[in-house]
PDB file of N, CA and C in Angstrom:
ATOM      1  N   MET A   1      14.371   9.304  -4.678  1.00  0.00           N
ATOM      2  CA  MET A   1      13.285  10.374  -5.269  1.00  0.00           C
ATOM      3  C   MET A   1      12.743  10.092  -6.827  1.00  0.00           C
ATOM      4  N   GLN A   2      14.300  10.086  -7.332  1.00  0.00           N
ATOM      5  CA  GLN A   2      14.522   9.577  -9.102  1.00  0.00           C
ATOM      6  C   GLN A   2      13.212   8.953  -9.358  1.00  0.00           C
ATOM      7  N   ARG A   3      13.299   7.577  -8.655  1.00  0.00           N
ATOM      8  CA  ARG A   3      12.300   6.842  -9.138  1.00  0.00           C
ATOM      9  C   ARG A   3      10.668   7.407  -9.103  1.00  0.00           C
ATOM     10  N   TYR A   4      10.744   8.189  -8.118  1.00  0.00           N
ATOM     11  CA  TYR A   4       9.336   8.353  -7.249  1.00  0.00           C
ATOM     12  C   TYR A   4       8.948   9.478  -8.836  1.00  0.00           C
ATOM     13  N   GLU A   5       9.989  10.438  -9.089  1.00  0.00           N
ATOM     14  CA  GLU A   5       9.543  11.426 -10.364  1.00  0.00           C
ATOM     15  C   GLU A   5       9.072  11.084 -11.304  1.00  0.00           C
ATOM     16  N   SER A   6       9.607   9.538 -11.713  1.00  0.00           N
ATOM     17  CA  SER A   6       9.659   9.177 -13.300  1.00  0.00           C
ATOM     18  C   SER A   6       8.060   8.010 -12.834  1.00  0.00           C
ATOM     19  N   VAL A   7       7.528   7.960 -11.699  1.00  0.00           N
ATOM     20  CA  VAL A   7       6.360   7.408 -11.688  1.00  0.00           C
ATOM     21  C   VAL A   7       5.015   8.383 -11.361  1.00  0.00           C
ATOM     22  N   ARG A   8       5.758   9.413 -10.767  1.00  0.00           N
ATOM     23  CA  ARG A   8       4.593  10.397 -10.205  1.00  0.00           C
ATOM     24  C   ARG A   8       3.287  10.504 -10.668  1.00  0.00           C
ATOM     25  N   GLU A   9       3.103  10.884 -12.121  1.00  0.00           N
ATOM     26  CA  GLU A   9       2.184  10.788 -12.614  1.00  0.00           C
ATOM     27  C   GLU A   9       1.325   9.964 -12.965  1.00  0.00           C
ATOM     28  N   ARG A  10       1.995   8.518 -12.765  1.00  0.00           N
ATOM     29  CA  ARG A  10       0.962   7.374 -12.746  1.00  0.00           C
ATOM     30  C   ARG A  10       0.687   6.607 -11.174  1.00  0.00           C
ATOM     31  N   TRP A  11       1.455   7.382 -10.367  1.00  0.00           N
ATOM     32  CA  TRP A  11       1.448   6.670  -8.938  1.00  0.00           C
ATOM     33  C   TRP A  11       0.710   6.205  -8.713  1.00  0.00           C
ATOM     34  N   GLU A  12      -0.197   5.955  -8.853  1.00  0.00           N
ATOM     35  CA  GLU A  12      -1.486   4.796  -8.394  1.00  0.00           C
ATOM     36  C   GLU A  12      -1.370   3.719  -9.131  1.00  0.00           C
ATOM     37  N   GLU A  13      -0.999   3.515 -10.475  1.00  0.00           N
ATOM     38  CA  GLU A  13      -0.830   2.507 -11.076  1.00  0.00           C
ATOM     39  C   GLU A  13       0.773   1.362 -10.486  1.00  0.00           C
ATOM     40  N   VAL A  14       1.264   2.153  -9.698  1.00  0.00           N
ATOM     41  CA  VAL A  14       2.365   1.341  -8.943  1.00  0.00           C
ATOM     42  C   VAL A  14       1.887  -0.093  -8.159  1.00  0.00           C
ATOM     43  N   CYS A  15       0.398   0.454  -7.460  1.00  0.00           N
ATOM     44  CA  CYS A  15      -0.002  -0.794  -6.991  1.00  0.00           C
ATOM     45  C   CYS A  15      -0.100  -2.032  -7.679  1.00  0.00           C
ATOM     46  N   SER A  16       0.209  -3.141  -6.475  1.00  0.00           N
ATOM     47  CA  SER A  16       0.210  -4.359  -7.274  1.00  0.00           C
ATOM     48  C   SER A  16      -1.134  -5.052  -7.117  1.00  0.00           C
ATOM     49  N   ARG A  17      -1.607  -4.423  -6.204  1.00  0.00           N
ATOM     50  CA  ARG A  17      -3.312  -4.920  -6.194  1.00  0.00           C
ATOM     51  C   ARG A  17      -3.248  -6.126  -5.401  1.00  0.00           C
ATOM     52  N   CYS A  18      -2.116  -6.048  -4.097  1.00  0.00           N
ATOM     53  CA  CYS A  18      -1.992  -7.023  -3.533  1.00  0.00           C
ATOM     54  C   CYS A  18      -3.375  -7.200  -2.149  1.00  0.00           C
ATOM     55  N   GLY A  19      -3.938  -5.718  -1.637  1.00  0.00           N
ATOM     56  CA  GLY A  19      -5.056  -5.822  -1.145  1.00  0.00           C
ATOM     57  C   GLY A  19      -4.411  -5.741   0.049  1.00  0.00           C
ATOM     58  N   ARG A  20      -3.123  -6.242   0.757  1.00  0.00           N
ATOM     59  CA  ARG A  20      -2.535  -6.558   2.110  1.00  0.00           C
ATOM     60  C   ARG A  20      -3.353  -4.751   2.973  1.00  0.00           C
ATOM     61  N   CYS A  21      -3.031  -3.343   2.297  1.00  0.00           N
ATOM     62  CA  CYS A  21      -3.522  -2.634   2.926  1.00  0.00           C
ATOM     63  C   CYS A  21      -5.188  -2.073   3.377  1.00  0.00           C
ATOM     64  N   CYS A  22      -5.859  -3.280   2.860  1.00  0.00           N
ATOM     65  CA  CYS A  22      -6.955  -3.320   3.203  1.00  0.00           C
ATOM     66  C   CYS A  22      -7.785  -3.945   4.086  1.00  0.00           C
ATOM     67  N   PHE A  23      -6.853  -4.595   4.818  1.00  0.00           N
ATOM     68  CA  PHE A  23      -6.807  -5.267   6.063  1.00  0.00           C
ATOM     69  C   PHE A  23      -6.619  -4.927   7.347  1.00  0.00           C
ATOM     70  N   GLU A  24      -6.705  -5.091   8.278  1.00  0.00           N
ATOM     71  CA  GLU A  24      -6.242  -4.422   9.845  1.00  0.00           C
ATOM     72  C   GLU A  24      -4.791  -4.992   9.685  1.00  0.00           C
ATOM     73  N   ARG A  25      -4.206  -4.275  10.278  1.00  0.00           N
ATOM     74  CA  ARG A  25      -2.905  -4.326  10.510  1.00  0.00           C
ATOM     75  C   ARG A  25      -1.964  -3.829  11.977  1.00  0.00           C
ATOM     76  N   GLU A  26      -0.759  -4.587  12.055  1.00  0.00           N
ATOM     77  CA  GLU A  26      -0.594  -4.142  13.442  1.00  0.00           C
ATOM     78  C   GLU A  26       1.229  -4.399  13.472  1.00  0.00           C
ATOM     79  N   LEU A  27       1.572  -3.446  14.338  1.00  0.00           N
ATOM     80  CA  LEU A  27       3.137  -4.217  14.103  1.00  0.00           C
ATOM     81  C   LEU A  27       3.169  -5.245  15.760  1.00  0.00           C
ATOM     82  N   GLY A  28       4.096  -6.208  15.227  1.00  0.00           N
ATOM     83  CA  GLY A  28       4.017  -7.256  16.202  1.00  0.00           C
ATOM     84  C   GLY A  28       5.347  -6.561  16.991  1.00  0.00           C
ATOM     85  N   ASP A  29       5.392  -7.631  17.892  1.00  0.00           N
ATOM     86  CA  ASP A  29       6.687  -6.921  19.020  1.00  0.00           C
ATOM     87  C   ASP A  29       8.094  -6.954  18.175  1.00  0.00           C
ATOM     88  N   ASP A  30       8.408  -7.768  17.264  1.00  0.00           N
ATOM     89  CA  ASP A  30       9.479  -7.880  16.232  1.00  0.00           C
ATOM     90  C   ASP A  30       9.753  -6.856  15.511  1.00  0.00           C
ATOM     91  N   GLY A  31       8.612  -6.046  15.106  1.00  0.00           N
ATOM     92  CA  GLY A  31       8.760  -4.852  13.841  1.00  0.00           C
ATOM     93  C   GLY A  31       7.886  -5.595  13.051  1.00  0.00           C
ATOM     94  N   GLU A  32       7.443  -6.511  12.813  1.00  0.00           N
ATOM     95  CA  GLU A  32       7.199  -7.335  11.802  1.00  0.00           C
ATOM     96  C   GLU A  32       5.605  -6.804  11.435  1.00  0.00           C
ATOM     97  N   VAL A  33       4.919  -6.447  10.390  1.00  0.00           N
ATOM     98  CA  VAL A  33       3.730  -5.922  10.289  1.00  0.00           C
ATOM     99  C   VAL A  33       2.751  -7.309  10.256  1.00  0.00           C
ATOM    100  N   LEU A  34       1.915  -7.227  11.010  1.00  0.00           N
ATOM    101  CA  LEU A  34       0.890  -8.351  10.958  1.00  0.00           C
ATOM    102  C   LEU A  34       0.260  -8.087  10.266  1.00  0.00           C
ATOM    103  N   VAL A  35      -0.492  -9.064   9.423  1.00  0.00           N
ATOM    104  CA  VAL A  35      -2.027  -8.596   8.701  1.00  0.00           C
ATOM    105  C   VAL A  35      -3.017  -9.627   9.194  1.00  0.00           C
ATOM    106  N   ASP A  36      -4.367  -8.795   9.667  1.00  0.00           N
ATOM    107  CA  ASP A  36      -5.204  -9.855   9.924  1.00  0.00           C
ATOM    108  C   ASP A  36      -6.245 -10.245   9.018  1.00  0.00           C
ATOM    109  N   TYR A  37      -5.888 -10.959   8.012  1.00  0.00           N
ATOM    110  CA  TYR A  37      -6.980 -11.570   6.707  1.00  0.00           C
ATOM    111  C   TYR A  37      -8.242 -12.002   7.274  1.00  0.00           C
ATOM    112  N   ALA A  38      -8.597 -11.915   8.165  1.00  0.00           N
ATOM    113  CA  ALA A  38      -9.982 -12.446   8.985  1.00  0.00           C
ATOM    114  C   ALA A  38     -10.825 -10.723   8.984  1.00  0.00           C
ATOM    115  N   SER A  39      -9.999  -9.622   8.992  1.00  0.00           N
ATOM    116  CA  SER A  39     -10.776  -8.487   8.783  1.00  0.00           C
ATOM    117  C   SER A  39     -10.355  -7.150   7.637  1.00  0.00           C
ATOM    118  N   PRO A  40     -11.032  -7.442   6.693  1.00  0.00           N
ATOM    119  CA  PRO A  40     -10.683  -6.844   5.460  1.00  0.00           C
ATOM    120  C   PRO A  40     -11.789  -5.723   5.875  1.00  0.00           C
ATOM    121  N   CYS A  41     -11.765  -4.925   5.015  1.00  0.00           N
ATOM    122  CA  CYS A  41     -12.647  -3.338   4.436  1.00  0.00           C
ATOM    123  C   CYS A  41     -13.389  -4.004   4.402  1.00  0.00           C
ATOM    124  N   ARG A  42     -14.820  -3.646   4.717  1.00  0.00           N
ATOM    125  CA  ARG A  42     -15.757  -3.711   3.971  1.00  0.00           C
ATOM    126  C   ARG A  42     -16.205  -3.453   2.573  1.00  0.00           C
ATOM    127  N   PHE A  43     -15.424  -2.653   2.088  1.00  0.00           N
ATOM    128  CA  PHE A  43     -15.393  -2.297   0.371  1.00  0.00           C
ATOM    129  C   PHE A  43     -14.407  -3.237  -0.172  1.00  0.00           C
ATOM    130  N   PHE A  44     -13.678  -4.114   0.271  1.00  0.00           N
ATOM    131  CA  PHE A  44     -13.084  -4.621  -0.319  1.00  0.00           C
ATOM    132  C   PHE A  44     -13.512  -6.057  -0.796  1.00  0.00           C
ATOM    133  N   ASP A  45     -13.229  -6.185  -2.229  1.00  0.00           N
ATOM    134  CA  ASP A  45     -13.680  -7.106  -2.987  1.00  0.00           C
ATOM    135  C   ASP A  45     -12.138  -8.433  -2.502  1.00  0.00           C
ATOM    136  N   MET A  46     -12.838  -9.298  -2.201  1.00  0.00           N
ATOM    137  CA  MET A  46     -11.832 -10.073  -2.164  1.00  0.00           C
ATOM    138  C   MET A  46     -11.577 -11.448  -3.406  1.00  0.00           C
ATOM    139  N   GLY A  47     -12.470 -11.473  -3.780  1.00  0.00           N
ATOM    140  CA  GLY A  47     -12.193 -12.353  -5.499  1.00  0.00           C
ATOM    141  C   GLY A  47     -11.392 -11.366  -6.475  1.00  0.00           C
ATOM    142  N   THR A  48     -11.385  -9.789  -6.504  1.00  0.00           N
ATOM    143  CA  THR A  48     -10.725  -9.064  -7.489  1.00  0.00           C
ATOM    144  C   THR A  48      -9.698  -8.073  -6.683  1.00  0.00           C
ATOM    145  N   HIS A  49      -9.727  -8.141  -5.415  1.00  0.00           N
ATOM    146  CA  HIS A  49      -8.807  -7.530  -4.514  1.00  0.00           C
ATOM    147  C   HIS A  49      -9.230  -6.275  -4.845  1.00  0.00           C
ATOM    148  N   LEU A  50     -10.087  -5.700  -5.566  1.00  0.00           N
ATOM    149  CA  LEU A  50      -9.912  -4.300  -5.761  1.00  0.00           C
ATOM    150  C   LEU A  50     -10.940  -3.437  -4.840  1.00  0.00           C
ATOM    151  N   CYS A  51     -11.223  -1.968  -4.668  1.00  0.00           N
ATOM    152  CA  CYS A  51     -12.077  -1.413  -3.894  1.00  0.00           C
ATOM    153  C   CYS A  51     -13.523  -1.450  -4.317  1.00  0.00           C
ATOM    154  N   ARG A  52     -14.575  -1.738  -4.019  1.00  0.00           N
ATOM    155  CA  ARG A  52     -15.952  -1.636  -4.459  1.00  0.00           C
ATOM    156  C   ARG A  52     -16.200  -0.305  -4.836  1.00  0.00           C
ATOM    157  N   VAL A  53     -15.654   0.544  -4.380  1.00  0.00           N
ATOM    158  CA  VAL A  53     -16.119   2.147  -4.046  1.00  0.00           C
ATOM    159  C   VAL A  53     -15.014   3.320  -4.214  1.00  0.00           C
ATOM    160  N   TYR A  54     -13.860   2.764  -4.840  1.00  0.00           N
ATOM    161  CA  TYR A  54     -12.398   3.262  -5.183  1.00  0.00           C
ATOM    162  C   TYR A  54     -12.538   4.996  -4.988  1.00  0.00           C
ATOM    163  N   LYS A  55     -13.298   5.580  -5.929  1.00  0.00           N
ATOM    164  CA  LYS A  55     -13.668   6.751  -6.291  1.00  0.00           C
ATOM    165  C   LYS A  55     -13.649   7.550  -4.752  1.00  0.00           C
ATOM    166  N   ASP A  56     -14.806   6.831  -4.598  1.00  0.00           N
ATOM    167  CA  ASP A  56     -15.369   7.687  -2.823  1.00  0.00           C
ATOM    168  C   ASP A  56     -14.929   7.165  -1.579  1.00  0.00           C
ATOM    169  N   ARG A  57     -13.415   5.890  -1.826  1.00  0.00           N
ATOM    170  CA  ARG A  57     -13.419   5.552  -0.584  1.00  0.00           C
ATOM    171  C   ARG A  57     -12.823   6.528   0.741  1.00  0.00           C
ATOM    172  N   PHE A  58     -11.993   7.620   0.380  1.00  0.00           N
ATOM    173  CA  PHE A  58     -11.735   8.102   1.606  1.00  0.00           C
ATOM    174  C   PHE A  58     -13.123   9.020   2.182  1.00  0.00           C
ATOM    175  N   ARG A  59     -14.230   9.132   1.521  1.00  0.00           N
ATOM    176  CA  ARG A  59     -15.136   9.918   1.931  1.00  0.00           C
ATOM    177  C   ARG A  59     -16.278   8.159   2.709  1.00  0.00           C
ATOM    178  N   LYS A  60     -16.116   7.439   2.295  1.00  0.00           N
ATOM    179  CA  LYS A  60     -17.384   6.498   3.013  1.00  0.00           C
ATOM    180  C   LYS A  60     -16.228   5.539   3.966  1.00  0.00           C
ATOM    181  N   ASN A  61     -15.033   5.694   3.911  1.00  0.00           N
ATOM    182  CA  ASN A  61     -14.558   4.958   5.296  1.00  0.00           C
ATOM    183  C   ASN A  61     -13.419   5.848   5.790  1.00  0.00           C
ATOM    184  N   GLU A  62     -13.469   6.136   6.677  1.00  0.00           N
ATOM    185  CA  GLU A  62     -12.533   7.338   7.150  1.00  0.00           C
ATOM    186  C   GLU A  62     -11.091   6.896   7.744  1.00  0.00           C
ATOM    187  N   ARG A  63     -10.884   5.653   7.542  1.00  0.00           N
ATOM    188  CA  ARG A  63      -9.725   4.477   8.092  1.00  0.00           C
ATOM    189  C   ARG A  63      -8.682   4.468   6.837  1.00  0.00           C
ATOM    190  N   CYS A  64      -9.558   4.574   5.613  1.00  0.00           N
ATOM    191  CA  CYS A  64      -8.525   4.343   4.578  1.00  0.00           C
ATOM    192  C   CYS A  64      -7.590   5.689   4.147  1.00  0.00           C
ATOM    193  N   ALA A  65      -6.626   5.162   3.888  1.00  0.00           N
ATOM    194  CA  ALA A  65      -5.511   6.062   3.785  1.00  0.00           C
ATOM    195  C   ALA A  65      -4.647   6.247   2.557  1.00  0.00           C
ATOM    196  N   ARG A  66      -4.789   7.182   1.882  1.00  0.00           N
ATOM    197  CA  ARG A  66      -3.897   7.854   0.469  1.00  0.00           C
ATOM    198  C   ARG A  66      -2.609   7.080   0.682  1.00  0.00           C
ATOM    199  N   VAL A  67      -2.291   6.241  -0.051  1.00  0.00           N
ATOM    200  CA  VAL A  67      -0.668   5.921   0.020  1.00  0.00           C
ATOM    201  C   VAL A  67       0.218   6.878  -1.047  1.00  0.00           C
ATOM    202  N   THR A  68       0.575   7.869  -0.350  1.00  0.00           N
ATOM    203  CA  THR A  68       1.803   9.193  -0.771  1.00  0.00           C
ATOM    204  C   THR A  68       2.906   8.331  -0.856  1.00  0.00           C
ATOM    205  N   LEU A  69       3.521   9.135  -1.471  1.00  0.00           N
ATOM    206  CA  LEU A  69       5.171   9.106  -1.327  1.00  0.00           C
ATOM    207  C   LEU A  69       5.929   9.207   0.480  1.00  0.00           C
ATOM    208  N   ARG A  70       5.205  10.123   1.045  1.00  0.00           N
ATOM    209  CA  ARG A  70       5.263   9.879   2.673  1.00  0.00           C
ATOM    210  C   ARG A  70       5.199   8.570   3.321  1.00  0.00           C
ATOM    211  N   VAL A  71       3.571   8.465   3.160  1.00  0.00           N
ATOM    212  CA  VAL A  71       3.588   7.128   3.676  1.00  0.00           C
ATOM    213  C   VAL A  71       3.971   5.831   3.207  1.00  0.00           C
ATOM    214  N   ALA A  72       4.426   5.830   1.986  1.00  0.00           N
ATOM    215  CA  ALA A  72       5.298   4.599   1.188  1.00  0.00           C
ATOM    216  C   ALA A  72       6.712   4.649   2.334  1.00  0.00           C
ATOM    217  N   LEU A  73       7.305   6.043   2.537  1.00  0.00           N
ATOM    218  CA  LEU A  73       8.746   5.724   2.890  1.00  0.00           C
ATOM    219  C   LEU A  73       8.580   5.944   4.317  1.00  0.00           C
ATOM    220  N   PHE A  74       7.506   6.191   4.891  1.00  0.00           N
ATOM    221  CA  PHE A  74       7.545   6.192   6.751  1.00  0.00           C
ATOM    222  C   PHE A  74       6.899   5.154   7.291  1.00  0.00           C
ATOM    223  N   ASP A  75       5.601   4.975   6.750  1.00  0.00           N
ATOM    224  CA  ASP A  75       4.689   3.981   7.301  1.00  0.00           C
ATOM    225  C   ASP A  75       4.838   2.663   7.787  1.00  0.00           C
ATOM    226  N   GLU A  76       4.838   2.280   8.855  1.00  0.00           N
ATOM    227  CA  GLU A  76       5.773   1.188   9.542  1.00  0.00           C
ATOM    228  C   GLU A  76       4.623   0.296   9.268  1.00  0.00           C
ATOM    229  N   LEU A  77       3.031   0.733   8.714  1.00  0.00           N
ATOM    230  CA  LEU A  77       2.237  -0.463   8.756  1.00  0.00           C
ATOM    231  C   LEU A  77       2.127  -1.150   7.258  1.00  0.00           C
ATOM    232  N   LEU A  78       2.936  -0.333   6.045  1.00  0.00           N
ATOM    233  CA  LEU A  78       2.526  -1.122   5.274  1.00  0.00           C
ATOM    234  C   LEU A  78       3.521  -2.105   4.890  1.00  0.00           C
ATOM    235  N   PRO A  79       3.066  -3.242   4.501  1.00  0.00           N
ATOM    236  CA  PRO A  79       3.859  -4.315   4.346  1.00  0.00           C
ATOM    237  C   PRO A  79       5.240  -3.767   3.654  1.00  0.00           C
ATOM    238  N   GLU A  80       5.996  -4.779   3.837  1.00  0.00           N
ATOM    239  CA  GLU A  80       7.461  -4.980   2.730  1.00  0.00           C
ATOM    240  C   GLU A  80       7.129  -5.649   1.807  1.00  0.00           C
ATOM    241  N   GLU A  81       5.957  -5.995   1.333  1.00  0.00           N
ATOM    242  CA  GLU A  81       6.110  -6.613   0.075  1.00  0.00           C
ATOM    243  C   GLU A  81       4.981  -5.601  -0.901  1.00  0.00           C
ATOM    244  N   CYS A  82       4.720  -4.370  -0.214  1.00  0.00           N
ATOM    245  CA  CYS A  82       3.611  -3.274  -0.841  1.00  0.00           C
ATOM    246  C   CYS A  82       4.917  -3.020  -2.151  1.00  0.00           C
ATOM    247  N   ALA A  83       3.704  -3.296  -3.594  1.00  0.00           N
ATOM    248  CA  ALA A  83       4.890  -2.481  -4.415  1.00  0.00           C
ATOM    249  C   ALA A  83       5.511  -1.190  -4.315  1.00  0.00           C
ATOM    250  N   TYR A  84       4.677  -0.218  -3.678  1.00  0.00           N
ATOM    251  CA  TYR A  84       5.212   1.227  -3.676  1.00  0.00           C
ATOM    252  C   TYR A  84       6.201   1.343  -2.851  1.00  0.00           C
ATOM    253  N   ARG A  85       6.551   0.036  -1.458  1.00  0.00           N
ATOM    254  CA  ARG A  85       7.739   0.239  -0.827  1.00  0.00           C
ATOM    255  C   ARG A  85       9.058  -0.120  -1.481  1.00  0.00           C
ATOM    256  N   ARG A  86       8.489  -1.688  -2.319  1.00  0.00           N
ATOM    257  CA  ARG A  86       9.595  -2.261  -3.156  1.00  0.00           C
ATOM    258  C   ARG A  86      10.142  -1.213  -4.113  1.00  0.00           C
ATOM    259  N   LEU A  87       9.170  -0.142  -4.789  1.00  0.00           N
ATOM    260  CA  LEU A  87       9.918   0.868  -5.830  1.00  0.00           C
ATOM    261  C   LEU A  87      10.828   1.347  -5.024  1.00  0.00           C
ATOM    262  N   LEU A  88      10.415   2.301  -3.910  1.00  0.00           N
ATOM    263  CA  LEU A  88      11.368   3.175  -3.492  1.00  0.00           C
ATOM    264  C   LEU A  88      12.757   2.100  -2.604  1.00  0.00           C
ATOM    265  N   ARG A  89      12.438   1.296  -2.155  1.00  0.00           N
ATOM    266  CA  ARG A  89      13.201   0.173  -1.467  1.00  0.00           C
ATOM    267  C   ARG A  89      14.833   0.247  -2.579  1.00  0.00           C
ATOM    268  N   GLU A  90      14.036  -0.275  -3.753  1.00  0.00           N
ATOM    269  CA  GLU A  90      14.788  -0.768  -4.452  1.00  0.00           C
ATOM    270  C   GLU A  90      15.437   0.223  -5.407  1.00  0.00           C
ATOM    271  N   GLU A  91      15.244   1.732  -5.065  1.00  0.00           N
ATOM    272  CA  GLU A  91      15.736   2.947  -5.768  1.00  0.00           C
ATOM    273  C   GLU A  91      16.998   2.985  -4.875  1.00  0.00           C
ATOM    274  N   SER A  92      16.683   3.025  -3.426  1.00  0.00           N
ATOM    275  CA  SER A  92      17.753   3.178  -2.419  1.00  0.00           C
ATOM    276  C   SER A  92      18.806   1.940  -2.369  1.00  0.00           C
ATOM    277  N   ASP A  93      18.817   0.845  -2.631  1.00  0.00           N
ATOM    278  CA  ASP A  93      19.781  -0.670  -2.639  1.00  0.00           C
ATOM    279  C   ASP A  93      20.282  -0.292  -4.013  1.00  0.00           C
ATOM    280  N   GLY A  94      19.812   0.310  -5.154  1.00  0.00           N
ATOM    281  CA  GLY A  94      20.577   0.288  -6.476  1.00  0.00           C
ATOM    282  C   GLY A  94      19.917  -0.518  -7.112  1.00  0.00           C
ATOM    283  N   THR A  95      18.901  -1.194  -6.974  1.00  0.00           N
ATOM    284  CA  THR A  95      18.614  -2.671  -7.426  1.00  0.00           C
ATOM    285  C   THR A  95      17.378  -2.170  -8.191  1.00  0.00           C
ATOM    286  N   ALA A  96      17.125  -2.851  -9.812  1.00  0.00           N
ATOM    287  CA  ALA A  96      16.062  -2.371 -10.679  1.00  0.00           C
ATOM    288  C   ALA A  96      14.485  -2.720  -9.928  1.00  0.00           C
ATOM    289  N   ALA A  97      13.832  -1.641 -10.407  1.00  0.00           N
ATOM    290  CA  ALA A  97      12.026  -2.379 -10.495  1.00  0.00           C
ATOM    291  C   ALA A  97      11.470  -1.140 -11.150  1.00  0.00           C
ATOM    292  N   LEU A  98      10.284  -1.635 -11.427  1.00  0.00           N
ATOM    293  CA  LEU A  98       8.993  -1.057 -12.694  1.00  0.00           C
ATOM    294  C   LEU A  98      10.382  -1.223 -13.626  1.00  0.00           C
TER     295      LEU A  98
END
């Protein structure tokens, strides 16, 4: 939690813009997150990896979810490569991030 507190004011800047959270995802039988790269959100720009309606994303897309501390810690559908998950995982195992 110490790492979260240090970045709380700039939490959204932690995002590495990988875009994986903007595609349909499901858990495989082995618990691995399977990302369907053929099914991006209609507002996802494949070239920039940015949302075209970022400020209104929660209003325009009911399936868009804010990545909060709780989501980063417990949502199994966020890929392990997600910058939020890496930040928190590296804090818990004692390695450096950010």
